[in-house]
Amino acid sequence: MNKVSLRGVEVYPFTSEEQLLNYVDTHKGILVAINAEKILHATPQMLEIINRNIGYCDGAGAMMALRQKGVEEACKIPGCELWLKIVARFHGEKSFYLVGGKQEVIDQTVSKLKTEYPDIRIVGYRNGYIKTDEERAALVDDIARQKPDVVFVAMGSPKQELLMEEIQQRHSAIFQGLGGSFDVYTGHVERAPEWWVKHNLEWAYRLVRQPSRIKRQVHLLRYAWWLLARKF
C-alpha cells in the first residue's frame, strides 16, 4: 500500500478498519493516529517516527486532506475505537501488554477486558506514571522478556510514541498509542455522543465541555485555511 504525504506527514489511506487490521496482522509497527493537530504540529522527530511506522487517518481533517489529494475512499478510523477492534480481532491468538493511565484506571481496564474476553492473554501492564530512568528501563526490559504481540501505550503524544520507539528497538510488535482511551473505556471520561462523532464534530463537543481547549484549537483555523486553499 502506498502512503500519501500530507505536508510531510505520511499516512496510509486505509479504506476500512478491516483493511487496517489485515495490514497490521502481517506488518508490525507503531500505529500513529493522524489528525489535524498532528499535521499542524509535527516536529522533525515526530515526522521521523510517523513516517517510518504506520500513520492512519484518525480525524476528519486528515480524511478531508486525503480526499483532496485524490484518495476518495480513505476513511476515518478513531483510535479510541481501533484498539478495541484489535482486541476483538486478535484476543484469541495474540498476547497483550498495556501501559498508561492512573493505577485505578489501568486496573479497571485490565479487569474489564478479562471480563469481556475471558481468553485474552495480558502478559503485563502498568500505569503511565514513569518517573525515573530506572522505571522506564525496567518496563522496556519486561516487555522485551514477555514478548507480547500487541502493546498499547496510553500516555498522550509525543510521550507514548517516544516510549514505543524505545521498546521497538528491543522487541517487534504491533504498537498503538491511545492517549486517554483507557479513561474513556472505564467511564472516567465521557466521549462525545454519537451525533457529534457522526458529523465529525468531536472537537467542538470537547471545546464546549472544556473551553480552555480554545488555546489549542485556535490553530485549527490555519488547517481550515489549508483545506480551503487546497494547500495539500
C-alpha atoms as a PDB file:
ATOM      1  CA  MET A   1       0.000   0.000   0.000  1.00  0.00           C
ATOM      2  CA  ASN A   2       1.349   3.421  -0.968  1.00  0.00           C
ATOM      3  CA  LYS A   3       1.424   6.158   1.651  1.00  0.00           C
ATOM      4  CA  VAL A   4       0.152   9.680   0.974  1.00  0.00           C
ATOM      5  CA  SER A   5       2.079  12.741   2.191  1.00  0.00           C
ATOM      6  CA  LEU A   6       0.054  15.450   3.936  1.00  0.00           C
ATOM      7  CA  ARG A   7       2.507  18.343   4.237  1.00  0.00           C
ATOM      8  CA  GLY A   8       5.276  15.879   5.034  1.00  0.00           C
ATOM      9  CA  VAL A   9       3.227  13.591   7.289  1.00  0.00           C
ATOM     10  CA  GLU A  10       2.917  10.207   5.557  1.00  0.00           C
ATOM     11  CA  VAL A  11      -0.446   8.476   6.008  1.00  0.00           C
ATOM     12  CA  TYR A  12      -1.697   5.064   4.934  1.00  0.00           C
ATOM     13  CA  PRO A  13      -5.066   5.699   3.221  1.00  0.00           C
ATOM     14  CA  PHE A  14      -6.935   2.728   4.669  1.00  0.00           C
ATOM     15  CA  THR A  15     -10.441   2.415   3.311  1.00  0.00           C
ATOM     16  CA  SER A  16     -11.834   0.449   6.267  1.00  0.00           C
ATOM     17  CA  GLU A  17     -10.972  -0.803   9.739  1.00  0.00           C
ATOM     18  CA  GLU A  18     -10.872  -4.318   8.309  1.00  0.00           C
ATOM     19  CA  GLN A  19      -8.182  -3.328   5.812  1.00  0.00           C
ATOM     20  CA  LEU A  20      -6.085  -1.807   8.595  1.00  0.00           C
ATOM     21  CA  LEU A  21      -6.490  -4.897  10.796  1.00  0.00           C
ATOM     22  CA  ASN A  22      -5.448  -7.172   7.941  1.00  0.00           C
ATOM     23  CA  TYR A  23      -2.413  -4.977   7.315  1.00  0.00           C
ATOM     24  CA  VAL A  24      -1.130  -4.947  10.903  1.00  0.00           C
ATOM     25  CA  ASP A  25      -1.624  -8.703  11.142  1.00  0.00           C
ATOM     26  CA  THR A  26       1.288  -9.058   8.721  1.00  0.00           C
ATOM     27  CA  HIS A  27       3.152  -5.745   9.197  1.00  0.00           C
ATOM     28  CA  LYS A  28       4.347  -4.988  12.709  1.00  0.00           C
ATOM     29  CA  GLY A  29       5.000  -1.391  13.689  1.00  0.00           C
ATOM     30  CA  ILE A  30       3.667   1.602  15.584  1.00  0.00           C
ATOM     31  CA  LEU A  31       0.150   2.737  14.716  1.00  0.00           C
ATOM     32  CA  VAL A  32       0.120   6.535  14.951  1.00  0.00           C
ATOM     33  CA  ALA A  33      -3.204   8.404  14.861  1.00  0.00           C
ATOM     34  CA  ILE A  34      -3.035  11.260  12.347  1.00  0.00           C
ATOM     35  CA  ASN A  35      -5.353  14.213  12.779  1.00  0.00           C
ATOM     36  CA  ALA A  36      -5.210  17.939  12.039  1.00  0.00           C
ATOM     37  CA  GLU A  37      -3.219  18.718  15.187  1.00  0.00           C
ATOM     38  CA  LYS A  38      -0.602  16.064  14.384  1.00  0.00           C
ATOM     39  CA  ILE A  39      -0.159  17.539  10.908  1.00  0.00           C
ATOM     40  CA  LEU A  40      -0.012  21.114  12.202  1.00  0.00           C
ATOM     41  CA  HIS A  41       2.476  20.487  14.986  1.00  0.00           C
ATOM     42  CA  ALA A  42       4.613  17.586  13.786  1.00  0.00           C
ATOM     43  CA  THR A  43       8.204  18.174  14.901  1.00  0.00           C
ATOM     44  CA  PRO A  44      11.103  16.738  12.889  1.00  0.00           C
ATOM     45  CA  GLN A  45      11.391  13.973  15.499  1.00  0.00           C
ATOM     46  CA  MET A  46       7.687  13.093  15.280  1.00  0.00           C
ATOM     47  CA  LEU A  47       7.823  13.193  11.487  1.00  0.00           C
ATOM     48  CA  GLU A  48      10.572  10.582  11.547  1.00  0.00           C
ATOM     49  CA  ILE A  49       8.580   8.347  13.913  1.00  0.00           C
ATOM     50  CA  ILE A  50       5.360   8.665  11.918  1.00  0.00           C
ATOM     51  CA  ASN A  51       6.950   8.210   8.514  1.00  0.00           C
ATOM     52  CA  ARG A  52       8.819   5.035   9.384  1.00  0.00           C
ATOM     53  CA  ASN A  53       5.756   3.498  11.014  1.00  0.00           C
ATOM     54  CA  ILE A  54       2.015   3.257  10.299  1.00  0.00           C
ATOM     55  CA  GLY A  55       0.231   6.601  10.310  1.00  0.00           C
ATOM     56  CA  TYR A  56      -3.525   6.157   9.906  1.00  0.00           C
ATOM     57  CA  CYS A  57      -6.349   8.667   9.468  1.00  0.00           C
ATOM     58  CA  ASP A  58      -7.811   9.309  12.929  1.00  0.00           C
ATOM     59  CA  GLY A  59      -9.562  12.638  12.336  1.00  0.00           C
ATOM     60  CA  ALA A  60     -11.920  14.316   9.885  1.00  0.00           C
ATOM     61  CA  GLY A  61      -9.272  16.898   8.991  1.00  0.00           C
ATOM     62  CA  ALA A  62      -6.833  14.229   7.833  1.00  0.00           C
ATOM     63  CA  MET A  63      -9.610  12.421   5.952  1.00  0.00           C
ATOM     64  CA  MET A  64     -10.568  15.635   4.117  1.00  0.00           C
ATOM     65  CA  ALA A  65      -6.936  16.279   3.192  1.00  0.00           C
ATOM     66  CA  LEU A  66      -6.552  12.747   1.817  1.00  0.00           C
ATOM     67  CA  ARG A  67      -9.643  13.167  -0.323  1.00  0.00           C
ATOM     68  CA  GLN A  68      -8.296  16.491  -1.537  1.00  0.00           C
ATOM     69  CA  LYS A  69      -5.227  14.554  -2.684  1.00  0.00           C
ATOM     70  CA  GLY A  70      -7.496  12.298  -4.737  1.00  0.00           C
ATOM     71  CA  VAL A  71      -7.866   9.399  -2.290  1.00  0.00           C
ATOM     72  CA  GLU A  72     -11.650   9.343  -2.328  1.00  0.00           C
ATOM     73  CA  GLU A  73     -12.146   6.092  -0.405  1.00  0.00           C
ATOM     74  CA  ALA A  74      -9.977   6.983   2.613  1.00  0.00           C
ATOM     75  CA  CYS A  75     -11.918   6.676   5.861  1.00  0.00           C
ATOM     76  CA  LYS A  76     -11.594   7.977   9.397  1.00  0.00           C
ATOM     77  CA  ILE A  77     -10.619   5.329  11.959  1.00  0.00           C
ATOM     78  CA  PRO A  78     -10.863   6.705  15.522  1.00  0.00           C
ATOM     79  CA  GLY A  79      -8.004   5.400  17.660  1.00  0.00           C
ATOM     80  CA  CYS A  80     -10.260   5.116  20.720  1.00  0.00           C
ATOM     81  CA  GLU A  81     -12.284   2.527  18.766  1.00  0.00           C
ATOM     82  CA  LEU A  82      -9.417   0.905  16.863  1.00  0.00           C
ATOM     83  CA  TRP A  83      -7.633  -0.579  19.879  1.00  0.00           C
ATOM     84  CA  LEU A  84     -10.804  -2.386  20.900  1.00  0.00           C
ATOM     85  CA  LYS A  85     -11.225  -3.686  17.345  1.00  0.00           C
ATOM     86  CA  ILE A  86      -7.660  -5.035  17.595  1.00  0.00           C
ATOM     87  CA  VAL A  87      -8.570  -6.765  20.858  1.00  0.00           C
ATOM     88  CA  ALA A  88     -11.790  -8.167  19.409  1.00  0.00           C
ATOM     89  CA  ARG A  89      -9.978  -9.467  16.316  1.00  0.00           C
ATOM     90  CA  PHE A  90      -6.876 -10.941  17.952  1.00  0.00           C
ATOM     91  CA  HIS A  91      -7.715 -11.752  21.595  1.00  0.00           C
ATOM     92  CA  GLY A  92      -7.784 -15.487  20.921  1.00  0.00           C
ATOM     93  CA  GLU A  93      -4.431 -15.662  19.152  1.00  0.00           C
ATOM     94  CA  LYS A  94      -2.185 -12.797  20.284  1.00  0.00           C
ATOM     95  CA  SER A  95      -0.849 -11.648  23.663  1.00  0.00           C
ATOM     96  CA  PHE A  96      -1.141  -8.114  25.006  1.00  0.00           C
ATOM     97  CA  TYR A  97       0.758  -5.635  27.212  1.00  0.00           C
ATOM     98  CA  LEU A  98      -0.865  -2.404  28.433  1.00  0.00           C
ATOM     99  CA  VAL A  99       0.782   0.794  29.664  1.00  0.00           C
ATOM    100  CA  GLY A 100      -0.937   4.015  30.703  1.00  0.00           C
ATOM    101  CA  GLY A 101      -3.404   5.841  32.891  1.00  0.00           C
ATOM    102  CA  LYS A 102      -3.607   6.084  36.650  1.00  0.00           C
ATOM    103  CA  GLN A 103      -3.256   2.847  38.619  1.00  0.00           C
ATOM    104  CA  GLU A 104      -7.003   2.729  39.248  1.00  0.00           C
ATOM    105  CA  VAL A 105      -7.707   3.183  35.534  1.00  0.00           C
ATOM    106  CA  ILE A 106      -5.276   0.538  34.283  1.00  0.00           C
ATOM    107  CA  ASP A 107      -6.514  -1.943  36.912  1.00  0.00           C
ATOM    108  CA  GLN A 108     -10.109  -1.371  35.794  1.00  0.00           C
ATOM    109  CA  THR A 109      -9.121  -1.585  32.116  1.00  0.00           C
ATOM    110  CA  VAL A 110      -7.464  -4.982  32.591  1.00  0.00           C
ATOM    111  CA  SER A 111     -10.365  -6.259  34.707  1.00  0.00           C
ATOM    112  CA  LYS A 112     -12.956  -5.162  32.133  1.00  0.00           C
ATOM    113  CA  LEU A 113     -11.006  -6.677  29.232  1.00  0.00           C
ATOM    114  CA  LYS A 114     -10.740 -10.001  31.059  1.00  0.00           C
ATOM    115  CA  THR A 115     -14.484  -9.947  31.727  1.00  0.00           C
ATOM    116  CA  GLU A 116     -15.365  -9.177  28.110  1.00  0.00           C
ATOM    117  CA  TYR A 117     -12.729 -11.521  26.649  1.00  0.00           C
ATOM    118  CA  PRO A 118     -12.143 -14.388  29.112  1.00  0.00           C
ATOM    119  CA  ASP A 119      -9.486 -15.960  26.881  1.00  0.00           C
ATOM    120  CA  ILE A 120      -7.410 -12.789  26.448  1.00  0.00           C
ATOM    121  CA  ARG A 121      -3.724 -13.138  27.385  1.00  0.00           C
ATOM    122  CA  ILE A 122      -2.491  -9.971  29.075  1.00  0.00           C
ATOM    123  CA  VAL A 123       1.150 -10.728  29.876  1.00  0.00           C
ATOM    124  CA  GLY A 124       1.815  -7.459  31.698  1.00  0.00           C
ATOM    125  CA  TYR A 125       0.572  -3.958  32.477  1.00  0.00           C
ATOM    126  CA  ARG A 126       1.452  -0.862  34.462  1.00  0.00           C
ATOM    127  CA  ASN A 127       0.300   2.734  34.956  1.00  0.00           C
ATOM    128  CA  GLY A 128       1.587   5.562  32.793  1.00  0.00           C
ATOM    129  CA  TYR A 129       3.410   7.476  35.502  1.00  0.00           C
ATOM    130  CA  ILE A 130       7.013   6.556  34.777  1.00  0.00           C
ATOM    131  CA  LYS A 131       9.042   8.841  36.998  1.00  0.00           C
ATOM    132  CA  THR A 132      12.632   7.620  36.703  1.00  0.00           C
ATOM    133  CA  ASP A 133      15.002   6.231  34.093  1.00  0.00           C
ATOM    134  CA  GLU A 134      15.158   3.057  36.172  1.00  0.00           C
ATOM    135  CA  GLU A 135      11.376   2.558  35.952  1.00  0.00           C
ATOM    136  CA  ARG A 136      11.466   3.156  32.206  1.00  0.00           C
ATOM    137  CA  ALA A 137      14.334   0.694  31.703  1.00  0.00           C
ATOM    138  CA  ALA A 138      12.546  -1.910  33.841  1.00  0.00           C
ATOM    139  CA  LEU A 139       9.401  -1.546  31.707  1.00  0.00           C
ATOM    140  CA  VAL A 140      11.322  -1.936  28.455  1.00  0.00           C
ATOM    141  CA  ASP A 141      13.158  -4.957  29.873  1.00  0.00           C
ATOM    142  CA  ASP A 142       9.903  -6.576  30.975  1.00  0.00           C
ATOM    143  CA  ILE A 143       8.254  -6.122  27.584  1.00  0.00           C
ATOM    144  CA  ALA A 144      11.345  -7.493  25.827  1.00  0.00           C
ATOM    145  CA  ARG A 145      11.205 -10.501  28.169  1.00  0.00           C
ATOM    146  CA  GLN A 146       7.441 -11.123  27.908  1.00  0.00           C
ATOM    147  CA  LYS A 147       7.406 -10.667  24.103  1.00  0.00           C
ATOM    148  CA  PRO A 148       3.762  -9.553  23.716  1.00  0.00           C
ATOM    149  CA  ASP A 149       2.283  -9.495  20.221  1.00  0.00           C
ATOM    150  CA  VAL A 150       0.436  -6.222  20.869  1.00  0.00           C
ATOM    151  CA  VAL A 151       1.487  -3.287  23.046  1.00  0.00           C
ATOM    152  CA  PHE A 152      -0.932  -0.450  23.894  1.00  0.00           C
ATOM    153  CA  VAL A 153       0.542   2.746  25.360  1.00  0.00           C
ATOM    154  CA  ALA A 154      -1.883   5.401  26.643  1.00  0.00           C
ATOM    155  CA  MET A 155       0.228   8.387  27.666  1.00  0.00           C
ATOM    156  CA  GLY A 156      -0.507  11.115  25.115  1.00  0.00           C
ATOM    157  CA  SER A 157       1.747  12.416  22.343  1.00  0.00           C
ATOM    158  CA  PRO A 158       4.666  12.587  21.978  1.00  0.00           C
ATOM    159  CA  LYS A 159       5.452  10.628  25.172  1.00  0.00           C
ATOM    160  CA  GLN A 160       3.745   7.462  24.006  1.00  0.00           C
ATOM    161  CA  GLU A 161       5.411   7.473  20.580  1.00  0.00           C
ATOM    162  CA  LEU A 162       8.867   8.040  22.073  1.00  0.00           C
ATOM    163  CA  LEU A 163       8.355   5.173  24.530  1.00  0.00           C
ATOM    164  CA  MET A 164       7.051   2.839  21.834  1.00  0.00           C
ATOM    165  CA  GLU A 165      10.056   3.660  19.638  1.00  0.00           C
ATOM    166  CA  GLU A 166      12.372   2.771  22.530  1.00  0.00           C
ATOM    167  CA  ILE A 167      10.573  -0.516  23.158  1.00  0.00           C
ATOM    168  CA  GLN A 168      10.516  -1.311  19.432  1.00  0.00           C
ATOM    169  CA  GLN A 169      14.320  -1.292  19.370  1.00  0.00           C
ATOM    170  CA  ARG A 170      14.232  -4.284  21.728  1.00  0.00           C
ATOM    171  CA  HIS A 171      11.037  -6.045  20.669  1.00  0.00           C
ATOM    172  CA  SER A 172       8.989  -6.106  17.453  1.00  0.00           C
ATOM    173  CA  ALA A 173       5.206  -5.998  17.899  1.00  0.00           C
ATOM    174  CA  ILE A 174       2.013  -4.230  16.926  1.00  0.00           C
ATOM    175  CA  PHE A 175       2.086  -0.971  18.885  1.00  0.00           C
ATOM    176  CA  GLN A 176      -0.662   1.612  19.252  1.00  0.00           C
ATOM    177  CA  GLY A 177      -0.675   4.923  21.104  1.00  0.00           C
ATOM    178  CA  LEU A 178      -4.025   5.508  22.785  1.00  0.00           C
ATOM    179  CA  GLY A 179      -3.968   8.893  24.502  1.00  0.00           C
ATOM    180  CA  GLY A 180      -6.836   8.865  27.000  1.00  0.00           C
ATOM    181  CA  SER A 181      -8.626   5.789  25.636  1.00  0.00           C
ATOM    182  CA  PHE A 182      -8.343   3.777  28.871  1.00  0.00           C
ATOM    183  CA  ASP A 183     -10.150   6.609  30.697  1.00  0.00           C
ATOM    184  CA  VAL A 184     -12.961   6.526  28.130  1.00  0.00           C
ATOM    185  CA  TYR A 185     -13.159   2.718  28.204  1.00  0.00           C
ATOM    186  CA  THR A 186     -13.527   2.635  32.001  1.00  0.00           C
ATOM    187  CA  GLY A 187     -16.009   5.520  32.152  1.00  0.00           C
ATOM    188  CA  HIS A 188     -13.709   8.058  33.802  1.00  0.00           C
ATOM    189  CA  VAL A 189     -14.001  10.341  30.763  1.00  0.00           C
ATOM    190  CA  GLU A 190     -17.081  10.725  28.582  1.00  0.00           C
ATOM    191  CA  ARG A 191     -16.644  10.547  24.828  1.00  0.00           C
ATOM    192  CA  ALA A 192     -18.720  12.824  22.584  1.00  0.00           C
ATOM    193  CA  PRO A 193     -22.236  11.497  21.901  1.00  0.00           C
ATOM    194  CA  GLU A 194     -22.809   9.606  18.650  1.00  0.00           C
ATOM    195  CA  TRP A 195     -24.353  12.581  16.786  1.00  0.00           C
ATOM    196  CA  TRP A 196     -21.234  14.701  17.297  1.00  0.00           C
ATOM    197  CA  VAL A 197     -18.980  11.800  16.269  1.00  0.00           C
ATOM    198  CA  LYS A 198     -21.052  11.015  13.165  1.00  0.00           C
ATOM    199  CA  HIS A 199     -20.889  14.638  11.996  1.00  0.00           C
ATOM    200  CA  ASN A 200     -17.129  14.964  12.641  1.00  0.00           C
ATOM    201  CA  LEU A 201     -17.716  17.451  15.459  1.00  0.00           C
ATOM    202  CA  GLU A 202     -15.972  15.739  18.375  1.00  0.00           C
ATOM    203  CA  TRP A 203     -13.553  18.671  18.550  1.00  0.00           C
ATOM    204  CA  ALA A 204     -16.493  21.071  19.011  1.00  0.00           C
ATOM    205  CA  TYR A 205     -18.041  18.911  21.729  1.00  0.00           C
ATOM    206  CA  ARG A 206     -14.743  18.825  23.636  1.00  0.00           C
ATOM    207  CA  LEU A 207     -14.442  22.591  23.274  1.00  0.00           C
ATOM    208  CA  VAL A 208     -17.947  23.119  24.676  1.00  0.00           C
ATOM    209  CA  ARG A 209     -17.159  20.821  27.613  1.00  0.00           C
ATOM    210  CA  GLN A 210     -13.677  22.276  28.160  1.00  0.00           C
ATOM    211  CA  PRO A 211     -13.447  25.901  26.922  1.00  0.00           C
ATOM    212  CA  SER A 212      -9.760  26.111  27.896  1.00  0.00           C
ATOM    213  CA  ARG A 213      -9.034  23.951  24.819  1.00  0.00           C
ATOM    214  CA  ILE A 214      -9.504  27.072  22.689  1.00  0.00           C
ATOM    215  CA  LYS A 215      -5.786  27.818  23.109  1.00  0.00           C
ATOM    216  CA  ARG A 216      -5.033  24.559  21.269  1.00  0.00           C
ATOM    217  CA  GLN A 217      -7.876  24.589  18.811  1.00  0.00           C
ATOM    218  CA  VAL A 218      -7.389  28.139  17.531  1.00  0.00           C
ATOM    219  CA  HIS A 219      -4.548  26.691  15.472  1.00  0.00           C
ATOM    220  CA  LEU A 220      -7.128  24.649  13.562  1.00  0.00           C
ATOM    221  CA  LEU A 221      -8.061  27.854  11.713  1.00  0.00           C
ATOM    222  CA  ARG A 222      -4.735  27.573   9.879  1.00  0.00           C
ATOM    223  CA  TYR A 223      -5.560  23.981   8.975  1.00  0.00           C
ATOM    224  CA  ALA A 224      -9.007  25.049   7.724  1.00  0.00           C
ATOM    225  CA  TRP A 225      -7.291  27.630   5.520  1.00  0.00           C
ATOM    226  CA  TRP A 226      -5.016  24.944   4.054  1.00  0.00           C
ATOM    227  CA  LEU A 227      -8.112  22.917   3.148  1.00  0.00           C
ATOM    228  CA  LEU A 228      -9.977  25.878   1.652  1.00  0.00           C
ATOM    229  CA  ALA A 229      -6.923  26.993  -0.330  1.00  0.00           C
ATOM    230  CA  ARG A 230      -6.191  23.385  -1.377  1.00  0.00           C
ATOM    231  CA  LYS A 231      -2.692  23.552   0.118  1.00  0.00           C
ATOM    232  CA  PHE A 232      -2.347  19.784   0.469  1.00  0.00           C
END
